All heavy atoms as atom14 arrays in JSON, in Angstrom:
{
  "sequence": "EEGNQLDKHYGLAIDIGTTTVVVYLVDLASGDILGVESDYNQQVI",
  "atom14_mask": [
    [1, 1, 1, 1, 1, 1, 1, 1, 1, 0, 0, 0, 0, 0],
    [1, 1, 1, 1, 1, 1, 1, 1, 1, 0, 0, 0, 0, 0],
    [1, 1, 1, 1, 0, 0, 0, 0, 0, 0, 0, 0, 0, 0],
    [1, 1, 1, 1, 1, 1, 1, 1, 0, 0, 0, 0, 0, 0],
    [1, 1, 1, 1, 1, 1, 1, 1, 1, 0, 0, 0, 0, 0],
    [1, 1, 1, 1, 1, 1, 1, 1, 0, 0, 0, 0, 0, 0],
    [1, 1, 1, 1, 1, 1, 1, 1, 0, 0, 0, 0, 0, 0],
    [1, 1, 1, 1, 1, 1, 1, 1, 1, 0, 0, 0, 0, 0],
    [1, 1, 1, 1, 1, 1, 1, 1, 1, 1, 0, 0, 0, 0],
    [1, 1, 1, 1, 1, 1, 1, 1, 1, 1, 1, 1, 0, 0],
    [1, 1, 1, 1, 0, 0, 0, 0, 0, 0, 0, 0, 0, 0],
    [1, 1, 1, 1, 1, 1, 1, 1, 0, 0, 0, 0, 0, 0],
    [1, 1, 1, 1, 1, 0, 0, 0, 0, 0, 0, 0, 0, 0],
    [1, 1, 1, 1, 1, 1, 1, 1, 0, 0, 0, 0, 0, 0],
    [1, 1, 1, 1, 1, 1, 1, 1, 0, 0, 0, 0, 0, 0],
    [1, 1, 1, 1, 1, 1, 1, 1, 0, 0, 0, 0, 0, 0],
    [1, 1, 1, 1, 0, 0, 0, 0, 0, 0, 0, 0, 0, 0],
    [1, 1, 1, 1, 1, 1, 1, 0, 0, 0, 0, 0, 0, 0],
    [1, 1, 1, 1, 1, 1, 1, 0, 0, 0, 0, 0, 0, 0],
    [1, 1, 1, 1, 1, 1, 1, 0, 0, 0, 0, 0, 0, 0],
    [1, 1, 1, 1, 1, 1, 1, 0, 0, 0, 0, 0, 0, 0],
    [1, 1, 1, 1, 1, 1, 1, 0, 0, 0, 0, 0, 0, 0],
    [1, 1, 1, 1, 1, 1, 1, 0, 0, 0, 0, 0, 0, 0],
    [1, 1, 1, 1, 1, 1, 1, 1, 1, 1, 1, 1, 0, 0],
    [1, 1, 1, 1, 1, 1, 1, 1, 0, 0, 0, 0, 0, 0],
    [1, 1, 1, 1, 1, 1, 1, 0, 0, 0, 0, 0, 0, 0],
    [1, 1, 1, 1, 1, 1, 1, 1, 0, 0, 0, 0, 0, 0],
    [1, 1, 1, 1, 1, 1, 1, 1, 0, 0, 0, 0, 0, 0],
    [1, 1, 1, 1, 1, 0, 0, 0, 0, 0, 0, 0, 0, 0],
    [1, 1, 1, 1, 1, 1, 0, 0, 0, 0, 0, 0, 0, 0],
    [1, 1, 1, 1, 0, 0, 0, 0, 0, 0, 0, 0, 0, 0],
    [1, 1, 1, 1, 1, 1, 1, 1, 0, 0, 0, 0, 0, 0],
    [1, 1, 1, 1, 1, 1, 1, 1, 0, 0, 0, 0, 0, 0],
    [1, 1, 1, 1, 1, 1, 1, 1, 0, 0, 0, 0, 0, 0],
    [1, 1, 1, 1, 0, 0, 0, 0, 0, 0, 0, 0, 0, 0],
    [1, 1, 1, 1, 1, 1, 1, 0, 0, 0, 0, 0, 0, 0],
    [1, 1, 1, 1, 1, 1, 1, 1, 1, 0, 0, 0, 0, 0],
    [1, 1, 1, 1, 1, 1, 0, 0, 0, 0, 0, 0, 0, 0],
    [1, 1, 1, 1, 1, 1, 1, 1, 0, 0, 0, 0, 0, 0],
    [1, 1, 1, 1, 1, 1, 1, 1, 1, 1, 1, 1, 0, 0],
    [1, 1, 1, 1, 1, 1, 1, 1, 0, 0, 0, 0, 0, 0],
    [1, 1, 1, 1, 1, 1, 1, 1, 1, 0, 0, 0, 0, 0],
    [1, 1, 1, 1, 1, 1, 1, 1, 1, 0, 0, 0, 0, 0],
    [1, 1, 1, 1, 1, 1, 1, 0, 0, 0, 0, 0, 0, 0],
    [1, 1, 1, 1, 1, 1, 1, 1, 0, 0, 0, 0, 0, 0]
  ],
  "atom14_positions": [
    [[-72.02, -38.28, 58.41], [-71.5, -36.91, 58.39], [-71.47, -36.38, 56.96], [-71.29, -37.14, 56.0], [-70.08, -36.88, 58.97], [-69.99, -37.42, 60.39], [-68.55, -37.69, 60.78], [-67.86, -36.73, 61.21], [-68.1, -38.85, 60.66], [0.0, 0.0, 0.0], [0.0, 0.0, 0.0], [0.0, 0.0, 0.0], [0.0, 0.0, 0.0], [0.0, 0.0, 0.0]],
    [[-71.58, -35.08, 56.85], [-71.53, -34.45, 55.53], [-70.1, -34.46, 55.0], [-69.16, -34.14, 55.72], [-72.03, -33.01, 55.62], [-73.48, -32.9, 56.06], [-73.91, -31.46, 56.26], [-73.27, -30.56, 55.65], [-74.88, -31.21, 57.01], [0.0, 0.0, 0.0], [0.0, 0.0, 0.0], [0.0, 0.0, 0.0], [0.0, 0.0, 0.0], [0.0, 0.0, 0.0]],
    [[-69.95, -34.83, 53.73], [-68.64, -34.79, 53.09], [-67.73, -35.93, 53.52], [-68.16, -36.9, 54.15], [0.0, 0.0, 0.0], [0.0, 0.0, 0.0], [0.0, 0.0, 0.0], [0.0, 0.0, 0.0], [0.0, 0.0, 0.0], [0.0, 0.0, 0.0], [0.0, 0.0, 0.0], [0.0, 0.0, 0.0], [0.0, 0.0, 0.0], [0.0, 0.0, 0.0]],
    [[-66.47, -35.79, 53.15], [-65.47, -36.83, 53.44], [-64.84, -36.57, 54.82], [-64.1, -35.62, 55.0], [-64.38, -36.83, 52.36], [-63.45, -38.03, 52.5], [-63.25, -38.56, 53.59], [-62.86, -38.45, 51.38], [0.0, 0.0, 0.0], [0.0, 0.0, 0.0], [0.0, 0.0, 0.0], [0.0, 0.0, 0.0], [0.0, 0.0, 0.0], [0.0, 0.0, 0.0]],
    [[-65.15, -37.41, 55.79], [-64.65, -37.27, 57.16], [-63.85, -38.51, 57.58], [-63.78, -38.83, 58.77], [-65.82, -37.05, 58.13], [-66.72, -35.89, 57.79], [-66.07, -34.56, 58.08], [-65.09, -34.47, 58.82], [-66.59, -33.49, 57.5], [0.0, 0.0, 0.0], [0.0, 0.0, 0.0], [0.0, 0.0, 0.0], [0.0, 0.0, 0.0], [0.0, 0.0, 0.0]],
    [[-63.22, -39.17, 56.62], [-62.51, -40.41, 56.91], [-61.33, -40.2, 57.86], [-60.9, -41.13, 58.55], [-62.01, -41.06, 55.61], [-63.07, -41.59, 54.66], [-62.42, -42.13, 53.39], [-63.92, -42.66, 55.32], [0.0, 0.0, 0.0], [0.0, 0.0, 0.0], [0.0, 0.0, 0.0], [0.0, 0.0, 0.0], [0.0, 0.0, 0.0], [0.0, 0.0, 0.0]],
    [[-60.8, -38.98, 57.9], [-59.62, -38.73, 58.73], [-59.98, -38.45, 60.19], [-59.09, -38.23, 61.01], [-58.82, -37.55, 58.17], [-59.62, -36.26, 58.12], [-60.87, -36.35, 58.09], [-59.01, -35.17, 58.13], [0.0, 0.0, 0.0], [0.0, 0.0, 0.0], [0.0, 0.0, 0.0], [0.0, 0.0, 0.0], [0.0, 0.0, 0.0], [0.0, 0.0, 0.0]],
    [[-61.25, -38.47, 60.53], [-61.67, -38.21, 61.91], [-62.34, -39.46, 62.47], [-63.57, -39.57, 62.52], [-62.62, -37.01, 61.95], [-61.96, -35.71, 61.48], [-62.97, -34.58, 61.36], [-62.28, -33.31, 60.85], [-63.26, -32.21, 60.63], [0.0, 0.0, 0.0], [0.0, 0.0, 0.0], [0.0, 0.0, 0.0], [0.0, 0.0, 0.0], [0.0, 0.0, 0.0]],
    [[-61.51, -40.39, 62.88], [-62.01, -41.7, 63.29], [-61.26, -42.13, 64.55], [-60.1, -42.55, 64.49], [-61.79, -42.71, 62.15], [-62.48, -44.02, 62.37], [-62.12, -45.16, 61.7], [-63.51, -44.39, 63.18], [-62.89, -46.16, 62.08], [-63.74, -45.7, 62.97], [0.0, 0.0, 0.0], [0.0, 0.0, 0.0], [0.0, 0.0, 0.0], [0.0, 0.0, 0.0]],
    [[-61.91, -42.03, 65.69], [-61.22, -42.22, 66.96], [-61.98, -43.18, 67.88], [-63.19, -43.37, 67.75], [-61.04, -40.87, 67.67], [-60.43, -39.81, 66.79], [-61.22, -38.78, 66.27], [-59.09, -39.85, 66.44], [-60.67, -37.8, 65.45], [-58.54, -38.87, 65.62], [-59.33, -37.86, 65.12], [-58.78, -36.9, 64.31], [0.0, 0.0, 0.0], [0.0, 0.0, 0.0]],
    [[-61.23, -43.76, 68.82], [-61.81, -44.63, 69.82], [-61.08, -44.48, 71.13], [-60.04, -43.8, 71.22], [0.0, 0.0, 0.0], [0.0, 0.0, 0.0], [0.0, 0.0, 0.0], [0.0, 0.0, 0.0], [0.0, 0.0, 0.0], [0.0, 0.0, 0.0], [0.0, 0.0, 0.0], [0.0, 0.0, 0.0], [0.0, 0.0, 0.0], [0.0, 0.0, 0.0]],
    [[-61.6, -45.11, 72.17], [-61.01, -45.03, 73.5], [-60.71, -46.43, 74.02], [-61.52, -47.35, 73.89], [-61.98, -44.35, 74.47], [-62.42, -42.93, 74.15], [-63.51, -42.5, 75.13], [-61.25, -41.95, 74.18], [0.0, 0.0, 0.0], [0.0, 0.0, 0.0], [0.0, 0.0, 0.0], [0.0, 0.0, 0.0], [0.0, 0.0, 0.0], [0.0, 0.0, 0.0]],
    [[-59.55, -46.57, 74.63], [-59.2, -47.76, 75.41], [-59.16, -47.31, 76.87], [-58.48, -46.34, 77.21], [-57.85, -48.32, 74.98], [0.0, 0.0, 0.0], [0.0, 0.0, 0.0], [0.0, 0.0, 0.0], [0.0, 0.0, 0.0], [0.0, 0.0, 0.0], [0.0, 0.0, 0.0], [0.0, 0.0, 0.0], [0.0, 0.0, 0.0], [0.0, 0.0, 0.0]],
    [[-59.89, -48.01, 77.73], [-60.1, -47.54, 79.09], [-59.82, -48.65, 80.09], [-60.21, -49.81, 79.89], [-61.56, -47.05, 79.28], [-61.85, -45.87, 78.34], [-61.83, -46.67, 80.73], [-63.32, -45.47, 78.31], [0.0, 0.0, 0.0], [0.0, 0.0, 0.0], [0.0, 0.0, 0.0], [0.0, 0.0, 0.0], [0.0, 0.0, 0.0], [0.0, 0.0, 0.0]],
    [[-59.12, -48.3, 81.16], [-58.97, -49.19, 82.31], [-59.61, -48.5, 83.51], [-59.17, -47.43, 83.93], [-57.5, -49.48, 82.6], [-57.31, -50.19, 83.95], [-58.08, -51.13, 84.22], [-56.41, -49.79, 84.71], [0.0, 0.0, 0.0], [0.0, 0.0, 0.0], [0.0, 0.0, 0.0], [0.0, 0.0, 0.0], [0.0, 0.0, 0.0], [0.0, 0.0, 0.0]],
    [[-60.66, -49.11, 84.06], [-61.29, -48.58, 85.27], [-60.75, -49.36, 86.45], [-61.16, -50.5, 86.71], [-62.82, -48.69, 85.2], [-63.37, -47.88, 84.02], [-63.45, -48.2, 86.51], [-64.87, -47.97, 83.86], [0.0, 0.0, 0.0], [0.0, 0.0, 0.0], [0.0, 0.0, 0.0], [0.0, 0.0, 0.0], [0.0, 0.0, 0.0], [0.0, 0.0, 0.0]],
    [[-59.8, -48.77, 87.15], [-59.27, -49.38, 88.35], [-60.04, -48.92, 89.57], [-60.72, -47.89, 89.55], [0.0, 0.0, 0.0], [0.0, 0.0, 0.0], [0.0, 0.0, 0.0], [0.0, 0.0, 0.0], [0.0, 0.0, 0.0], [0.0, 0.0, 0.0], [0.0, 0.0, 0.0], [0.0, 0.0, 0.0], [0.0, 0.0, 0.0], [0.0, 0.0, 0.0]],
    [[-59.92, -49.66, 90.65], [-60.59, -49.29, 91.89], [-60.07, -47.95, 92.39], [-60.85, -47.12, 92.91], [-60.36, -50.37, 92.96], [-60.7, -51.64, 92.41], [-61.2, -50.11, 94.19], [0.0, 0.0, 0.0], [0.0, 0.0, 0.0], [0.0, 0.0, 0.0], [0.0, 0.0, 0.0], [0.0, 0.0, 0.0], [0.0, 0.0, 0.0], [0.0, 0.0, 0.0]],
    [[-58.78, -47.7, 92.19], [-58.18, -46.44, 92.63], [-57.97, -45.46, 91.49], [-58.23, -44.26, 91.64], [-56.83, -46.73, 93.33], [-57.02, -47.66, 94.39], [-56.22, -45.44, 93.88], [0.0, 0.0, 0.0], [0.0, 0.0, 0.0], [0.0, 0.0, 0.0], [0.0, 0.0, 0.0], [0.0, 0.0, 0.0], [0.0, 0.0, 0.0], [0.0, 0.0, 0.0]],
    [[-57.5, -45.95, 90.35], [-57.1, -45.07, 89.25], [-57.79, -45.47, 87.95], [-57.99, -46.65, 87.68], [-55.56, -45.16, 89.05], [-54.91, -44.86, 90.28], [-55.1, -44.17, 88.0], [0.0, 0.0, 0.0], [0.0, 0.0, 0.0], [0.0, 0.0, 0.0], [0.0, 0.0, 0.0], [0.0, 0.0, 0.0], [0.0, 0.0, 0.0], [0.0, 0.0, 0.0]],
    [[-58.14, -44.45, 87.15], [-58.75, -44.66, 85.84], [-57.79, -44.14, 84.78], [-57.25, -43.04, 84.92], [-60.11, -43.94, 85.73], [-60.72, -44.12, 84.34], [-61.07, -44.44, 86.8], [0.0, 0.0, 0.0], [0.0, 0.0, 0.0], [0.0, 0.0, 0.0], [0.0, 0.0, 0.0], [0.0, 0.0, 0.0], [0.0, 0.0, 0.0], [0.0, 0.0, 0.0]],
    [[-57.58, -44.93, 83.73], [-56.68, -44.54, 82.63], [-57.46, -44.6, 81.33], [-58.2, -45.56, 81.08], [-55.46, -45.48, 82.54], [-54.54, -45.06, 81.38], [-54.67, -45.48, 83.86], [0.0, 0.0, 0.0], [0.0, 0.0, 0.0], [0.0, 0.0, 0.0], [0.0, 0.0, 0.0], [0.0, 0.0, 0.0], [0.0, 0.0, 0.0], [0.0, 0.0, 0.0]],
    [[-57.29, -43.58, 80.49], [-57.98, -43.53, 79.19], [-56.97, -43.2, 78.1], [-56.21, -42.23, 78.22], [-59.11, -42.47, 79.19], [-59.84, -42.48, 77.85], [-60.09, -42.71, 80.32], [0.0, 0.0, 0.0], [0.0, 0.0, 0.0], [0.0, 0.0, 0.0], [0.0, 0.0, 0.0], [0.0, 0.0, 0.0], [0.0, 0.0, 0.0], [0.0, 0.0, 0.0]],
    [[-56.95, -44.01, 77.05], [-56.16, -43.74, 75.84], [-57.11, -43.23, 74.76], [-58.17, -43.81, 74.53], [-55.51, -45.0, 75.29], [-54.35, -45.59, 76.05], [-53.92, -45.06, 77.26], [-53.69, -46.71, 75.54], [-52.85, -45.62, 77.94], [-52.62, -47.28, 76.21], [-52.21, -46.74, 77.41], [-51.15, -47.31, 78.08], [0.0, 0.0, 0.0], [0.0, 0.0, 0.0]],
    [[-56.71, -42.18, 74.06], [-57.37, -41.75, 72.83], [-56.6, -42.36, 71.67], [-55.39, -42.14, 71.53], [-57.39, -40.23, 72.7], [-57.97, -39.67, 71.4], [-59.45, -40.02, 71.25], [-57.77, -38.17, 71.31], [0.0, 0.0, 0.0], [0.0, 0.0, 0.0], [0.0, 0.0, 0.0], [0.0, 0.0, 0.0], [0.0, 0.0, 0.0], [0.0, 0.0, 0.0]],
    [[-57.29, -43.15, 70.83], [-56.62, -43.93, 69.79], [-57.15, -43.54, 68.42], [-58.37, -43.39, 68.22], [-56.85, -45.44, 70.02], [-56.13, -46.27, 68.96], [-56.36, -45.85, 71.42], [0.0, 0.0, 0.0], [0.0, 0.0, 0.0], [0.0, 0.0, 0.0], [0.0, 0.0, 0.0], [0.0, 0.0, 0.0], [0.0, 0.0, 0.0], [0.0, 0.0, 0.0]],
    [[-56.23, -43.35, 67.46], [-56.59, -43.15, 66.06], [-56.92, -44.52, 65.48], [-56.04, -45.38, 65.38], [-55.43, -42.51, 65.3], [-55.78, -42.14, 63.87], [-56.48, -42.94, 63.2], [-55.35, -41.07, 63.4], [0.0, 0.0, 0.0], [0.0, 0.0, 0.0], [0.0, 0.0, 0.0], [0.0, 0.0, 0.0], [0.0, 0.0, 0.0], [0.0, 0.0, 0.0]],
    [[-58.17, -44.75, 65.1], [-58.59, -46.08, 64.65], [-58.09, -46.41, 63.25], [-58.13, -47.58, 62.85], [-60.11, -46.19, 64.71], [-60.72, -46.1, 66.12], [-62.23, -46.32, 66.06], [-60.08, -47.09, 67.07], [0.0, 0.0, 0.0], [0.0, 0.0, 0.0], [0.0, 0.0, 0.0], [0.0, 0.0, 0.0], [0.0, 0.0, 0.0], [0.0, 0.0, 0.0]],
    [[-57.62, -45.42, 62.52], [-57.07, -45.7, 61.19], [-55.62, -46.15, 61.28], [-55.22, -47.14, 60.66], [-57.18, -44.46, 60.31], [0.0, 0.0, 0.0], [0.0, 0.0, 0.0], [0.0, 0.0, 0.0], [0.0, 0.0, 0.0], [0.0, 0.0, 0.0], [0.0, 0.0, 0.0], [0.0, 0.0, 0.0], [0.0, 0.0, 0.0], [0.0, 0.0, 0.0]],
    [[-54.83, -45.46, 62.08], [-53.4, -45.76, 62.17], [-53.04, -46.67, 63.34], [-52.01, -47.32, 63.35], [-52.6, -44.46, 62.29], [-52.86, -43.83, 63.54], [0.0, 0.0, 0.0], [0.0, 0.0, 0.0], [0.0, 0.0, 0.0], [0.0, 0.0, 0.0], [0.0, 0.0, 0.0], [0.0, 0.0, 0.0], [0.0, 0.0, 0.0], [0.0, 0.0, 0.0]],
    [[-53.89, -46.67, 64.36], [-53.58, -47.41, 65.58], [-52.76, -46.61, 66.58], [-52.45, -47.11, 67.66], [0.0, 0.0, 0.0], [0.0, 0.0, 0.0], [0.0, 0.0, 0.0], [0.0, 0.0, 0.0], [0.0, 0.0, 0.0], [0.0, 0.0, 0.0], [0.0, 0.0, 0.0], [0.0, 0.0, 0.0], [0.0, 0.0, 0.0], [0.0, 0.0, 0.0]],
    [[-52.43, -45.38, 66.25], [-51.59, -44.56, 67.13], [-52.35, -44.14, 68.38], [-53.56, -43.84, 68.33], [-51.11, -43.3, 66.4], [-50.15, -43.62, 65.26], [-49.56, -44.71, 65.27], [-50.02, -42.77, 64.36], [0.0, 0.0, 0.0], [0.0, 0.0, 0.0], [0.0, 0.0, 0.0], [0.0, 0.0, 0.0], [0.0, 0.0, 0.0], [0.0, 0.0, 0.0]],
    [[-51.63, -44.08, 69.5], [-52.18, -43.52, 70.73], [-51.94, -42.01, 70.68], [-50.8, -41.55, 70.69], [-51.52, -44.14, 71.97], [-51.78, -45.64, 72.02], [-52.04, -43.47, 73.25], [-51.01, -46.37, 73.11], [0.0, 0.0, 0.0], [0.0, 0.0, 0.0], [0.0, 0.0, 0.0], [0.0, 0.0, 0.0], [0.0, 0.0, 0.0], [0.0, 0.0, 0.0]],
    [[-53.01, -41.23, 70.59], [-52.89, -39.79, 70.42], [-52.8, -39.04, 71.75], [-52.34, -37.9, 71.78], [-54.11, -39.26, 69.64], [-54.33, -39.89, 68.26], [-55.56, -39.29, 67.61], [-53.11, -39.71, 67.37], [0.0, 0.0, 0.0], [0.0, 0.0, 0.0], [0.0, 0.0, 0.0], [0.0, 0.0, 0.0], [0.0, 0.0, 0.0], [0.0, 0.0, 0.0]],
    [[-53.24, -39.67, 72.81], [-53.19, -39.0, 74.1], [-53.55, -39.97, 75.21], [-54.23, -40.97, 74.98], [0.0, 0.0, 0.0], [0.0, 0.0, 0.0], [0.0, 0.0, 0.0], [0.0, 0.0, 0.0], [0.0, 0.0, 0.0], [0.0, 0.0, 0.0], [0.0, 0.0, 0.0], [0.0, 0.0, 0.0], [0.0, 0.0, 0.0], [0.0, 0.0, 0.0]],
    [[-53.07, -39.67, 76.4], [-53.36, -40.49, 77.58], [-53.72, -39.57, 78.73], [-53.06, -38.56, 78.96], [-52.13, -41.35, 77.98], [-52.47, -42.24, 79.17], [-51.63, -42.17, 76.82], [0.0, 0.0, 0.0], [0.0, 0.0, 0.0], [0.0, 0.0, 0.0], [0.0, 0.0, 0.0], [0.0, 0.0, 0.0], [0.0, 0.0, 0.0], [0.0, 0.0, 0.0]],
    [[-54.79, -39.91, 79.42], [-55.16, -39.18, 80.63], [-55.47, -40.17, 81.74], [-55.88, -41.3, 81.48], [-56.39, -38.28, 80.39], [-56.07, -36.97, 79.7], [-55.41, -35.95, 80.61], [-55.14, -36.28, 81.78], [-55.18, -34.82, 80.14], [0.0, 0.0, 0.0], [0.0, 0.0, 0.0], [0.0, 0.0, 0.0], [0.0, 0.0, 0.0], [0.0, 0.0, 0.0]],
    [[-55.27, -39.73, 82.97], [-55.52, -40.59, 84.12], [-55.89, -39.73, 85.32], [-55.48, -38.58, 85.43], [-54.27, -41.42, 84.43], [-54.44, -42.16, 85.61], [0.0, 0.0, 0.0], [0.0, 0.0, 0.0], [0.0, 0.0, 0.0], [0.0, 0.0, 0.0], [0.0, 0.0, 0.0], [0.0, 0.0, 0.0], [0.0, 0.0, 0.0], [0.0, 0.0, 0.0]],
    [[-56.66, -40.31, 86.22], [-57.0, -39.6, 87.46], [-57.53, -40.63, 88.45], [-57.82, -41.78, 88.11], [-58.06, -38.53, 87.19], [-58.02, -37.41, 88.24], [-57.26, -37.54, 89.21], [-58.75, -36.42, 88.07], [0.0, 0.0, 0.0], [0.0, 0.0, 0.0], [0.0, 0.0, 0.0], [0.0, 0.0, 0.0], [0.0, 0.0, 0.0], [0.0, 0.0, 0.0]],
    [[-57.64, -40.18, 89.7], [-58.26, -41.04, 90.7], [-59.72, -41.31, 90.32], [-60.41, -40.45, 89.78], [-58.24, -40.37, 92.08], [-56.9, -40.44, 92.77], [-56.14, -39.28, 92.97], [-56.39, -41.65, 93.23], [-54.91, -39.34, 93.6], [-55.16, -41.72, 93.86], [-54.42, -40.56, 94.05], [-53.21, -40.63, 94.68], [0.0, 0.0, 0.0], [0.0, 0.0, 0.0]],
    [[-60.17, -42.52, 90.6], [-61.58, -42.87, 90.46], [-62.35, -42.1, 91.52], [-62.1, -42.26, 92.72], [-61.72, -44.39, 90.66], [-63.12, -44.89, 90.4], [-64.09, -44.16, 90.55], [-63.24, -46.15, 90.02], [0.0, 0.0, 0.0], [0.0, 0.0, 0.0], [0.0, 0.0, 0.0], [0.0, 0.0, 0.0], [0.0, 0.0, 0.0], [0.0, 0.0, 0.0]],
    [[-63.29, -41.26, 91.1], [-64.02, -40.41, 92.05], [-64.8, -41.22, 93.08], [-65.24, -40.69, 94.11], [-64.98, -39.49, 91.29], [-64.27, -38.39, 90.5], [-65.25, -37.5, 89.76], [-66.41, -37.38, 90.15], [-64.8, -36.87, 88.67], [0.0, 0.0, 0.0], [0.0, 0.0, 0.0], [0.0, 0.0, 0.0], [0.0, 0.0, 0.0], [0.0, 0.0, 0.0]],
    [[-64.94, -42.52, 92.85], [-65.64, -43.37, 93.82], [-64.86, -43.51, 95.13], [-65.44, -43.96, 96.13], [-65.87, -44.76, 93.24], [-66.83, -44.81, 92.07], [-66.9, -46.2, 91.47], [-66.08, -47.07, 91.76], [-67.88, -46.43, 90.6], [0.0, 0.0, 0.0], [0.0, 0.0, 0.0], [0.0, 0.0, 0.0], [0.0, 0.0, 0.0], [0.0, 0.0, 0.0]],
    [[-63.59, -43.15, 95.15], [-62.77, -43.37, 96.35], [-63.34, -42.65, 97.57], [-63.08, -43.07, 98.7], [-61.29, -42.96, 96.14], [-60.62, -43.84, 95.1], [-61.18, -41.49, 95.77], [0.0, 0.0, 0.0], [0.0, 0.0, 0.0], [0.0, 0.0, 0.0], [0.0, 0.0, 0.0], [0.0, 0.0, 0.0], [0.0, 0.0, 0.0], [0.0, 0.0, 0.0]],
    [[-64.11, -41.59, 97.36], [-64.68, -40.89, 98.52], [-65.72, -41.75, 99.23], [-66.09, -41.46, 100.38], [-65.3, -39.53, 98.11], [-66.48, -39.73, 97.15], [-64.26, -38.61, 97.51], [-67.25, -38.46, 96.85], [0.0, 0.0, 0.0], [0.0, 0.0, 0.0], [0.0, 0.0, 0.0], [0.0, 0.0, 0.0], [0.0, 0.0, 0.0], [0.0, 0.0, 0.0]]
  ]
}
């Protein structure tokens, strides 16, 4: 990336369940969980 972008460093922790999927957005510098989302696994249909 152009310039200093050290503060924009993120990753995902994901659990794919048969019924439910959970995703964490994680700051890879601090280790903080910045957000959590979940929904039914669309495969259930």
